[in-house]
Amino acid sequence: MRVLLVEPWFGGSHRQWAEGYARHSEHDVELLTLPDEGWKWRLRGAALTLAGQVSTTPDVVLASSMLDVATFVGHARHHVHRAPVALYMHENQLTYPLADGVSRDTSLALVNWNSMAAADSIIFNSAYHRAVWFEALTPLLRSFPPPRHDGLIDRVRARSHVLPVGVDLDRLRTPLVKQGPPLVLWNQRWEHDKNPTVIAEILTTLAGTHCDFRVALCGESPVGEVPPVFDTLVAVLGARLEHIGFAEQPQYQQILHDSAIVLSAADHEFFGVAVVEAMAAGAIPVLPDRLAYPEIVGPDLRSTLYASTDDAVAQVVELLSDASLRSGRSAAASAAAHRFDWESVAPRYDAMLSEMALRAG
């Protein structure tokens, strides 16, 4: 079966998703992409650009949430008019948290909504993501004058499913021994929605305890700068700080293997590829008890989710102080993460897309 995978934002986790599925699918997957530059323009303009590049007739289209599906299908109708479209929601522009002083552009959320209404199937990367989208959608639509789209919401919800992002995890099988003092890892984007201020608070408090530990701060800043809140943290951690900044492969892979604990304080997480990768390598997740994290860690590690900053510190101190506890939870973390390996997830994508093509005739 021919699958046309359309990804206007071919970078980061979006690229990993597209290339990962293409590698592991039993179908013939063709990638149609644009570079990860100018995300608002990609969301608004990529559909017209990419529609002009379609040269074959697919059996099914798998589109990223960065695509205006209605516009794409309209302009590419000579090639894809009979092919069903599955829309994969990596994120959305309605519930993504905004930085202080930034107002929401609801026209971007309406691009997402029109894409969902045009798609034959909508796939969310977590049940949490699906829930918050539909919770926020009704108030958005009711803010406009009639006629509104309220009557379409239940139809779109009925076409909505949950499939996780697949992750290549073979390279991250848990090593037998982690050398040296336990390594505490933070491996997320250095942006406001990932809450580096709280991470700095947790690590500063830990530095004042008797615990022996090391720290790696792995992340990419969109402006190439270390968050100002880390200036003091660097001095506080001193020799404990083993790495700060973006890490290229294979250095990042080695850091993952060395990590005993992975931290998050995110205000936004619809899935969490970085956390899943760390868990697969045996890092114990100490994460907020919210967002998609309960789904990611599973029932066996639910107790590692924290309710407050003080709770997070207490959990890390307990783990740093008890090697036996770390060993057991490390194994559980690796097992939980490998549910999201492409080897397990790709067949679920294949089956859903095959069924869509079969129904379309």
Protein backbone atom coordinates (compact mmCIF):
# COMPACT_ATOMS: atom_id res chain seq x y z
CA MET A 1 0.00 0.00 0.00
CA ARG A 2 1.25 3.51 -0.84
CA VAL A 3 1.28 6.00 2.02
CA LEU A 4 2.03 9.66 1.38
CA LEU A 5 3.34 11.13 4.65
CA VAL A 6 3.16 14.93 4.56
CA GLU A 7 5.29 16.79 7.13
CA PRO A 8 5.75 20.56 6.63
CA TRP A 9 7.94 20.83 9.76
CA PHE A 10 10.68 18.31 9.04
CA GLY A 11 12.79 18.72 12.17
CA GLY A 12 13.06 17.59 15.78
CA SER A 13 10.44 15.13 16.98
CA HIS A 14 8.38 15.65 13.81
CA ARG A 15 11.27 14.41 11.68
CA GLN A 16 11.95 11.50 14.04
CA TRP A 17 8.29 10.51 13.76
CA ALA A 18 8.18 10.70 9.96
CA GLU A 19 11.47 8.91 9.34
CA GLY A 20 10.81 6.37 12.08
CA TYR A 21 7.47 5.32 10.65
CA ALA A 22 8.84 5.20 7.11
CA ARG A 23 11.62 2.85 8.28
CA HIS A 24 9.42 0.53 10.28
CA SER A 25 6.21 0.42 8.27
CA GLU A 26 5.34 -2.55 6.08
CA HIS A 27 3.79 -0.09 3.64
CA ASP A 28 5.54 1.93 0.94
CA VAL A 29 5.88 5.30 2.70
CA GLU A 30 6.83 8.37 0.67
CA LEU A 31 7.87 11.49 2.60
CA LEU A 32 6.76 14.92 1.37
CA THR A 33 8.44 17.55 3.55
CA LEU A 34 9.66 21.10 4.05
CA PRO A 35 12.43 22.37 6.36
CA ASP A 36 11.57 23.31 9.97
CA GLU A 37 11.65 27.08 9.47
CA GLY A 38 8.97 29.71 10.09
CA TRP A 39 6.37 27.56 11.81
CA LYS A 40 3.45 29.98 11.36
CA TRP A 41 4.14 30.21 7.64
CA ARG A 42 4.42 26.43 7.43
CA LEU A 43 1.05 26.01 9.11
CA ARG A 44 -0.60 28.56 6.83
CA GLY A 45 1.33 28.20 3.58
CA ALA A 46 2.90 24.75 3.31
CA ALA A 47 -0.27 23.10 2.01
CA LEU A 48 -0.23 25.05 -1.26
CA THR A 49 3.51 24.54 -1.72
CA LEU A 50 3.44 20.80 -1.03
CA ALA A 51 0.29 20.17 -3.06
CA GLY A 52 2.23 21.25 -6.13
CA GLN A 53 4.87 18.62 -5.40
CA VAL A 54 2.56 15.60 -5.34
CA SER A 55 3.38 13.44 -8.36
CA THR A 56 1.89 10.04 -7.50
CA THR A 57 -1.50 8.79 -6.37
CA PRO A 58 -1.34 7.37 -2.83
CA ASP A 59 -3.72 4.89 -1.25
CA VAL A 60 -3.79 6.96 1.94
CA VAL A 61 -2.36 10.27 3.16
CA LEU A 62 -0.84 10.62 6.65
CA ALA A 63 -0.52 14.33 7.46
CA SER A 64 1.18 16.14 10.32
CA SER A 65 -0.70 18.68 12.44
CA MET A 66 1.49 21.35 10.80
CA LEU A 67 -0.45 20.85 7.56
CA ASP A 68 -3.62 22.70 6.52
CA VAL A 69 -5.33 19.52 5.34
CA ALA A 70 -8.35 21.15 3.69
CA THR A 71 -6.16 23.41 1.55
CA PHE A 72 -3.75 20.59 0.69
CA VAL A 73 -6.49 18.21 -0.43
CA GLY A 74 -8.15 20.95 -2.47
CA HIS A 75 -4.99 21.86 -4.37
CA ALA A 76 -3.78 18.25 -4.76
CA ARG A 77 -7.21 16.90 -5.67
CA HIS A 78 -6.10 15.43 -9.01
CA HIS A 79 -3.76 13.07 -7.17
CA VAL A 80 -5.29 12.56 -3.72
CA HIS A 81 -9.01 13.23 -4.17
CA ARG A 82 -9.98 9.58 -3.48
CA ALA A 83 -7.30 8.86 -0.88
CA PRO A 84 -8.46 8.99 2.76
CA VAL A 85 -6.50 11.35 5.01
CA ALA A 86 -5.29 10.63 8.55
CA LEU A 87 -4.22 13.73 10.50
CA TYR A 88 -1.60 13.15 13.22
CA MET A 89 -1.83 15.72 16.03
CA HIS A 90 1.66 16.24 17.42
CA GLU A 91 0.45 19.48 19.02
CA ASN A 92 -2.28 22.06 18.55
CA GLN A 93 -2.47 25.85 18.50
CA LEU A 94 -5.41 26.10 20.90
CA THR A 95 -4.02 24.72 24.15
CA TYR A 96 -0.26 25.20 23.68
CA PRO A 97 0.87 27.39 26.64
CA LEU A 98 1.94 30.91 25.74
CA ALA A 99 4.84 32.94 27.07
CA ASP A 100 4.05 35.93 29.30
CA GLY A 101 2.71 38.86 27.33
CA VAL A 102 1.88 36.81 24.23
CA SER A 103 -1.75 36.62 23.10
CA ARG A 104 -3.18 33.61 21.29
CA ASP A 105 -3.78 33.84 17.56
CA THR A 106 -7.04 31.89 17.25
CA SER A 107 -6.73 31.83 13.45
CA LEU A 108 -3.95 29.25 13.90
CA ALA A 109 -6.21 27.06 16.04
CA LEU A 110 -8.86 27.32 13.33
CA VAL A 111 -6.36 25.89 10.83
CA ASN A 112 -6.10 22.85 13.11
CA TRP A 113 -9.87 22.66 13.42
CA ASN A 114 -10.50 22.88 9.67
CA SER A 115 -7.85 20.19 9.14
CA MET A 116 -9.64 17.89 11.58
CA ALA A 117 -13.00 18.51 9.93
CA ALA A 118 -11.50 17.67 6.52
CA ALA A 119 -9.63 14.54 7.67
CA ASP A 120 -11.13 11.06 7.60
CA SER A 121 -9.31 10.11 10.80
CA ILE A 122 -7.66 12.20 13.50
CA ILE A 123 -4.88 10.65 15.58
CA PHE A 124 -3.73 12.23 18.86
CA ASN A 125 -0.38 11.32 20.40
CA SER A 126 -1.95 10.88 23.86
CA ALA A 127 -5.37 10.62 25.48
CA TYR A 128 -4.48 13.74 27.44
CA HIS A 129 -3.95 15.69 24.22
CA ARG A 130 -7.29 14.57 22.81
CA ALA A 131 -9.11 15.50 26.01
CA VAL A 132 -7.69 19.02 26.35
CA TRP A 133 -8.29 19.80 22.67
CA PHE A 134 -11.99 18.98 22.75
CA GLU A 135 -12.38 20.65 26.14
CA ALA A 136 -11.08 23.92 24.70
CA LEU A 137 -12.69 23.64 21.26
CA THR A 138 -16.32 24.35 22.20
CA PRO A 139 -15.56 27.69 23.94
CA LEU A 140 -13.47 28.73 20.93
CA LEU A 141 -16.20 28.00 18.41
CA ARG A 142 -18.87 29.64 20.57
CA SER A 143 -16.86 32.86 20.60
CA PHE A 144 -17.80 33.39 16.96
CA PRO A 145 -21.15 34.55 15.54
CA PRO A 146 -23.56 31.95 14.12
CA PRO A 147 -23.72 29.78 12.19
CA ARG A 148 -21.10 27.94 14.23
CA HIS A 149 -19.54 24.50 13.90
CA ASP A 150 -20.85 23.05 17.17
CA GLY A 151 -22.69 20.29 15.35
CA LEU A 152 -19.47 19.00 13.82
CA ILE A 153 -17.62 18.47 17.08
CA ASP A 154 -19.15 15.09 17.94
CA ARG A 155 -18.55 13.81 14.40
CA VAL A 156 -14.88 14.78 14.54
CA ARG A 157 -14.55 13.32 18.05
CA ALA A 158 -15.96 10.03 16.77
CA ARG A 159 -13.21 9.91 14.12
CA SER A 160 -10.50 10.59 16.71
CA HIS A 161 -8.05 7.97 17.98
CA VAL A 162 -4.93 7.78 20.15
CA LEU A 163 -1.64 6.38 18.89
CA PRO A 164 1.66 7.27 20.57
CA VAL A 165 4.68 8.65 18.81
CA GLY A 166 6.95 5.77 17.94
CA VAL A 167 10.55 6.07 19.17
CA ASP A 168 13.67 4.19 18.02
CA LEU A 169 14.77 2.58 21.27
CA ASP A 170 16.99 -0.35 20.31
CA ARG A 171 20.11 1.76 20.90
CA LEU A 172 18.90 2.57 24.42
CA ARG A 173 18.63 -0.83 26.03
CA THR A 174 19.53 -0.47 29.71
CA PRO A 175 23.26 -1.06 30.40
CA LEU A 176 24.06 -3.42 33.26
CA VAL A 177 25.96 -0.88 35.35
CA LYS A 178 25.81 2.92 35.61
CA GLN A 179 29.21 4.20 36.69
CA GLY A 180 29.94 6.93 39.24
CA PRO A 181 27.58 8.99 41.41
CA PRO A 182 23.99 8.96 40.09
CA LEU A 183 23.49 11.31 37.15
CA VAL A 184 20.38 13.53 37.24
CA LEU A 185 19.27 14.54 33.74
CA TRP A 186 17.12 17.33 32.34
CA ASN A 187 16.82 16.88 28.57
CA GLN A 188 14.15 19.22 27.25
CA ARG A 189 13.97 22.36 25.13
CA TRP A 190 15.15 25.48 26.95
CA GLU A 191 11.87 27.31 26.55
CA HIS A 192 9.22 28.70 28.88
CA ASP A 193 6.78 25.79 28.50
CA LYS A 194 9.40 23.36 29.86
CA ASN A 195 9.79 25.44 33.04
CA PRO A 196 13.58 25.72 33.48
CA THR A 197 12.99 27.96 36.52
CA VAL A 198 11.49 25.06 38.49
CA ILE A 199 14.24 22.71 37.32
CA ALA A 200 16.79 25.20 38.64
CA GLU A 201 14.91 25.38 41.95
CA ILE A 202 14.87 21.59 42.34
CA LEU A 203 18.58 21.23 41.54
CA THR A 204 19.57 24.14 43.77
CA THR A 205 17.73 22.54 46.69
CA LEU A 206 19.36 19.18 45.97
CA ALA A 207 22.79 20.83 45.99
CA GLY A 208 22.16 21.79 49.60
CA THR A 209 21.61 18.19 50.69
CA HIS A 210 24.14 15.53 51.67
CA CYS A 211 23.46 13.54 48.48
CA ASP A 212 26.20 12.64 46.04
CA PHE A 213 25.08 13.20 42.46
CA ARG A 214 26.00 14.61 39.07
CA VAL A 215 23.91 16.72 36.68
CA ALA A 216 23.50 16.93 32.90
CA LEU A 217 21.44 19.76 31.39
CA CYS A 218 20.86 18.69 27.79
CA GLY A 219 18.67 20.88 25.67
CA GLU A 220 18.47 23.13 22.67
CA SER A 221 17.69 26.82 22.95
CA PRO A 222 15.92 28.43 19.98
CA VAL A 223 18.03 31.54 20.44
CA GLY A 224 21.24 29.69 21.26
CA GLU A 225 21.45 31.07 24.79
CA VAL A 226 21.51 29.48 28.23
CA PRO A 227 18.36 30.46 30.19
CA PRO A 228 19.29 33.31 32.59
CA VAL A 229 17.97 31.27 35.51
CA PHE A 230 20.82 28.81 34.93
CA ASP A 231 23.53 31.41 35.55
CA THR A 232 23.29 30.98 39.30
CA LEU A 233 22.62 27.26 39.02
CA VAL A 234 25.92 26.66 37.21
CA ALA A 235 27.80 28.24 40.12
CA VAL A 236 25.76 26.33 42.71
CA LEU A 237 26.34 22.94 41.07
CA GLY A 238 30.03 23.48 40.44
CA ALA A 239 31.84 20.23 39.72
CA ARG A 240 28.55 18.31 39.86
CA LEU A 241 27.61 19.78 36.47
CA GLU A 242 28.99 17.39 33.85
CA HIS A 243 27.26 18.77 30.79
CA ILE A 244 25.27 21.84 29.80
CA GLY A 245 23.86 22.55 26.33
CA PHE A 246 22.87 20.63 23.24
CA ALA A 247 24.58 17.25 22.88
CA GLU A 248 25.16 15.62 19.52
CA GLN A 249 24.96 11.88 19.00
CA PRO A 250 26.71 9.74 20.23
CA GLN A 251 27.46 11.98 23.23
CA TYR A 252 23.75 12.32 23.99
CA GLN A 253 23.28 8.58 23.81
CA GLN A 254 26.10 8.11 26.34
CA ILE A 255 24.51 10.68 28.65
CA LEU A 256 21.20 8.82 28.43
CA HIS A 257 22.89 5.54 29.32
CA ASP A 258 24.66 7.17 32.28
CA SER A 259 21.53 8.84 33.68
CA ALA A 260 19.92 7.47 36.81
CA ILE A 261 17.06 10.00 37.04
CA VAL A 262 15.29 12.13 34.43
CA LEU A 263 13.56 15.30 35.60
CA SER A 264 10.76 17.36 34.12
CA ALA A 265 8.78 20.35 35.34
CA ALA A 266 6.97 20.97 32.05
CA ASP A 267 3.80 23.00 31.73
CA HIS A 268 3.29 21.48 28.31
CA GLU A 269 3.76 17.89 27.20
CA PHE A 270 1.40 16.15 24.78
CA PHE A 271 3.70 13.11 24.65
CA GLY A 272 7.36 13.41 25.71
CA VAL A 273 9.91 11.76 23.41
CA ALA A 274 12.89 13.01 25.45
CA VAL A 275 11.51 11.47 28.64
CA VAL A 276 10.72 8.18 26.88
CA GLU A 277 14.27 7.97 25.52
CA ALA A 278 15.75 8.54 28.98
CA MET A 279 13.44 5.96 30.54
CA ALA A 280 14.35 3.42 27.87
CA ALA A 281 17.99 3.82 28.91
CA GLY A 282 17.01 3.14 32.52
CA ALA A 283 16.56 6.65 33.92
CA ILE A 284 13.86 6.84 36.57
CA PRO A 285 11.25 9.50 35.73
CA VAL A 286 10.55 12.17 38.36
CA LEU A 287 7.84 14.13 36.60
CA PRO A 288 4.83 16.34 37.37
CA ASP A 289 1.61 14.44 38.04
CA ARG A 290 -0.16 16.01 35.06
CA LEU A 291 -0.16 16.34 31.26
CA ALA A 292 0.64 13.14 29.34
CA TYR A 293 3.05 11.86 32.00
CA PRO A 294 0.66 9.42 33.74
CA GLU A 295 0.18 7.69 30.38
CA ILE A 296 3.91 7.62 29.68
CA VAL A 297 5.10 6.13 32.97
CA GLY A 298 2.26 3.62 33.30
CA PRO A 299 0.75 2.22 36.51
CA ASP A 300 3.95 0.69 37.92
CA LEU A 301 5.72 4.06 38.13
CA ARG A 302 2.80 6.31 38.94
CA SER A 303 4.31 6.91 42.40
CA THR A 304 7.27 8.71 40.78
CA LEU A 305 5.02 11.57 39.66
CA TYR A 306 5.20 14.53 42.00
CA ALA A 307 2.61 17.06 43.18
CA SER A 308 4.93 19.90 44.20
CA THR A 309 8.53 21.05 43.99
CA ASP A 310 9.16 19.86 47.55
CA ASP A 311 7.74 16.46 46.61
CA ALA A 312 10.07 16.29 43.60
CA VAL A 313 13.10 17.03 45.77
CA ALA A 314 12.05 14.40 48.32
CA GLN A 315 11.66 11.79 45.60
CA VAL A 316 15.07 12.50 44.11
CA VAL A 317 16.73 12.43 47.55
CA GLU A 318 15.12 9.05 48.26
CA LEU A 319 16.38 7.66 44.95
CA LEU A 320 19.87 9.05 45.39
CA SER A 321 20.06 7.51 48.85
CA ASP A 322 18.87 4.01 47.93
CA ALA A 323 20.72 2.06 45.23
CA SER A 324 18.37 -0.90 45.54
CA LEU A 325 15.33 1.30 44.96
CA ARG A 326 17.03 2.84 41.92
CA SER A 327 17.76 -0.58 40.47
CA GLY A 328 14.15 -1.76 40.66
CA ARG A 329 12.65 1.44 39.33
CA SER A 330 15.23 1.66 36.57
CA ALA A 331 14.13 -1.71 35.22
CA ALA A 332 10.49 -0.66 35.45
CA ALA A 333 11.21 2.59 33.62
CA SER A 334 12.94 0.79 30.76
CA ALA A 335 10.08 -1.69 30.43
CA ALA A 336 7.48 1.09 30.43
CA ALA A 337 9.32 3.06 27.75
CA HIS A 338 9.71 0.16 25.38
CA ARG A 339 5.94 0.09 24.87
CA PHE A 340 6.64 3.04 22.56
CA ASP A 341 9.32 1.37 20.43
CA TRP A 342 8.54 1.59 16.71
CA GLU A 343 8.67 -2.20 16.55
CA SER A 344 5.50 -2.23 18.66
CA VAL A 345 3.87 0.98 17.45
CA ALA A 346 4.39 0.85 13.65
CA PRO A 347 2.11 -2.20 13.17
CA ARG A 348 -0.68 -0.24 14.87
CA TYR A 349 -0.22 2.62 12.39
CA ASP A 350 -0.11 0.15 9.52
CA ALA A 351 -3.33 -1.52 10.58
CA MET A 352 -5.23 1.76 10.99
CA LEU A 353 -4.10 3.11 7.62
CA SER A 354 -4.85 -0.20 5.89
CA GLU A 355 -8.36 -0.17 7.31
CA MET A 356 -8.89 3.40 6.11
CA ALA A 357 -7.77 2.49 2.58
CA LEU A 358 -9.99 -0.59 2.57
CA ARG A 359 -13.06 1.41 3.64
CA ALA A 360 -12.35 3.99 0.93
CA GLY A 361 -12.46 1.23 -1.66
